[in-house]
Protein backbone atom coordinates (compact mmCIF):
# COMPACT_ATOMS: atom_id res chain seq x y z
CA MET A 1 83.86 -11.84 131.64
CA TYR A 2 88.35 -11.62 131.07
CA ARG A 3 89.39 -15.61 132.70
CA ILE A 4 92.93 -15.00 134.83
CA LEU A 5 94.81 -17.38 136.06
CA ILE A 6 96.96 -16.47 138.23
CA ILE A 7 100.96 -18.65 139.04
CA GLU A 8 102.64 -18.16 142.51
CA ASP A 9 103.70 -20.46 144.45
CA GLU A 10 103.85 -17.33 147.57
CA GLN A 11 100.71 -17.11 148.69
CA MET A 12 100.37 -13.38 149.70
CA ALA A 13 102.14 -12.52 146.59
CA ALA A 14 99.27 -14.37 144.97
CA ASP A 15 96.65 -13.19 147.08
CA ASP A 16 97.78 -9.34 146.41
CA LEU A 17 98.26 -9.58 142.78
CA GLU A 18 94.65 -11.12 142.96
CA LYS A 19 93.32 -8.31 145.37
CA VAL A 20 95.03 -5.72 142.38
CA ILE A 21 93.01 -6.78 139.36
CA ASN A 22 89.99 -7.67 140.98
CA ASN A 23 90.37 -3.78 141.40
CA LEU A 24 91.03 -2.76 138.08
CA ASP A 25 88.11 -3.67 135.67
CA ASP A 26 84.99 -5.34 137.36
CA GLU A 27 84.82 -7.94 133.40
CA VAL A 28 87.70 -10.28 134.83
CA GLU A 29 87.67 -13.44 137.14
CA ILE A 30 90.41 -14.87 138.89
CA ALA A 31 89.32 -18.02 137.12
CA GLY A 32 92.27 -19.92 139.43
CA LYS A 33 95.95 -19.44 141.79
CA THR A 34 98.11 -23.00 141.87
CA SER A 35 100.75 -22.59 143.06
CA SER A 36 103.85 -25.38 140.37
CA VAL A 37 104.23 -26.61 137.68
CA ILE A 38 102.76 -29.88 138.33
CA SER A 39 99.61 -28.21 139.58
CA SER A 40 99.05 -25.55 136.20
CA ILE A 41 99.69 -28.74 133.70
CA LYS A 42 96.83 -30.49 135.21
CA TRP A 43 94.76 -27.43 135.58
CA LEU A 44 95.12 -26.06 132.24
CA GLN A 45 94.06 -29.00 130.17
CA GLU A 46 90.81 -29.25 132.02
CA ASN A 47 90.75 -24.98 131.89
CA GLU A 48 90.53 -22.39 129.32
CA VAL A 49 91.60 -18.74 130.12
CA ASP A 50 91.83 -15.70 128.47
CA LEU A 51 95.59 -15.02 130.42
CA ILE A 52 98.06 -15.90 132.29
CA MET A 53 100.26 -14.10 135.13
CA SER A 54 103.32 -16.54 136.19
CA ASP A 55 106.14 -16.56 138.14
CA ILE A 56 109.35 -16.87 136.50
CA GLN A 57 110.67 -19.34 139.80
CA LEU A 58 108.22 -22.38 141.47
CA GLY A 59 108.69 -24.34 143.69
CA ASP A 60 109.37 -27.65 142.09
CA GLY A 61 111.04 -25.77 139.06
CA LEU A 62 110.52 -22.40 136.37
CA CYS A 63 107.12 -21.64 135.02
CA PHE A 64 109.27 -21.67 131.36
CA GLU A 65 108.57 -26.41 131.79
CA ILE A 66 104.58 -25.61 132.06
CA PHE A 67 103.95 -23.61 128.65
CA GLU A 68 106.68 -26.26 127.24
CA SER A 69 104.89 -29.24 128.05
CA LEU A 70 101.75 -28.01 126.91
CA ASN A 71 100.35 -26.08 123.85
CA ILE A 72 99.04 -22.77 124.25
CA ASP A 73 98.12 -20.08 122.68
CA THR A 74 97.07 -17.58 125.66
CA PRO A 75 99.05 -14.44 126.53
CA ILE A 76 101.89 -14.93 129.25
CA ILE A 77 102.55 -11.66 131.91
CA ILE A 78 105.52 -12.98 134.27
CA THR A 79 105.07 -11.71 137.92
CA THR A 80 108.29 -11.76 139.98
CA ALA A 81 108.28 -10.15 143.13
CA TYR A 82 112.14 -9.39 142.86
CA ASP A 83 114.25 -6.44 141.56
CA ASN A 84 116.78 -9.42 139.95
């Protein structure tokens, strides 16, 4: 099983991304969904995943703050709902 963390503060966008991922492969598991810098740091301190998909702008800061405060070797895909 391939485990993915979704970091997204807009619930509809997080749910849509989860649906797309689940439709791609039965061997993929959404291990968690977080919506803020603080909750993501806490989640990642207690869990491991194979891939992180993260929005850039979260309600309490930028996702880069998460990755600067933790030693993460996990691949990260940056996602956004905006064109720019």
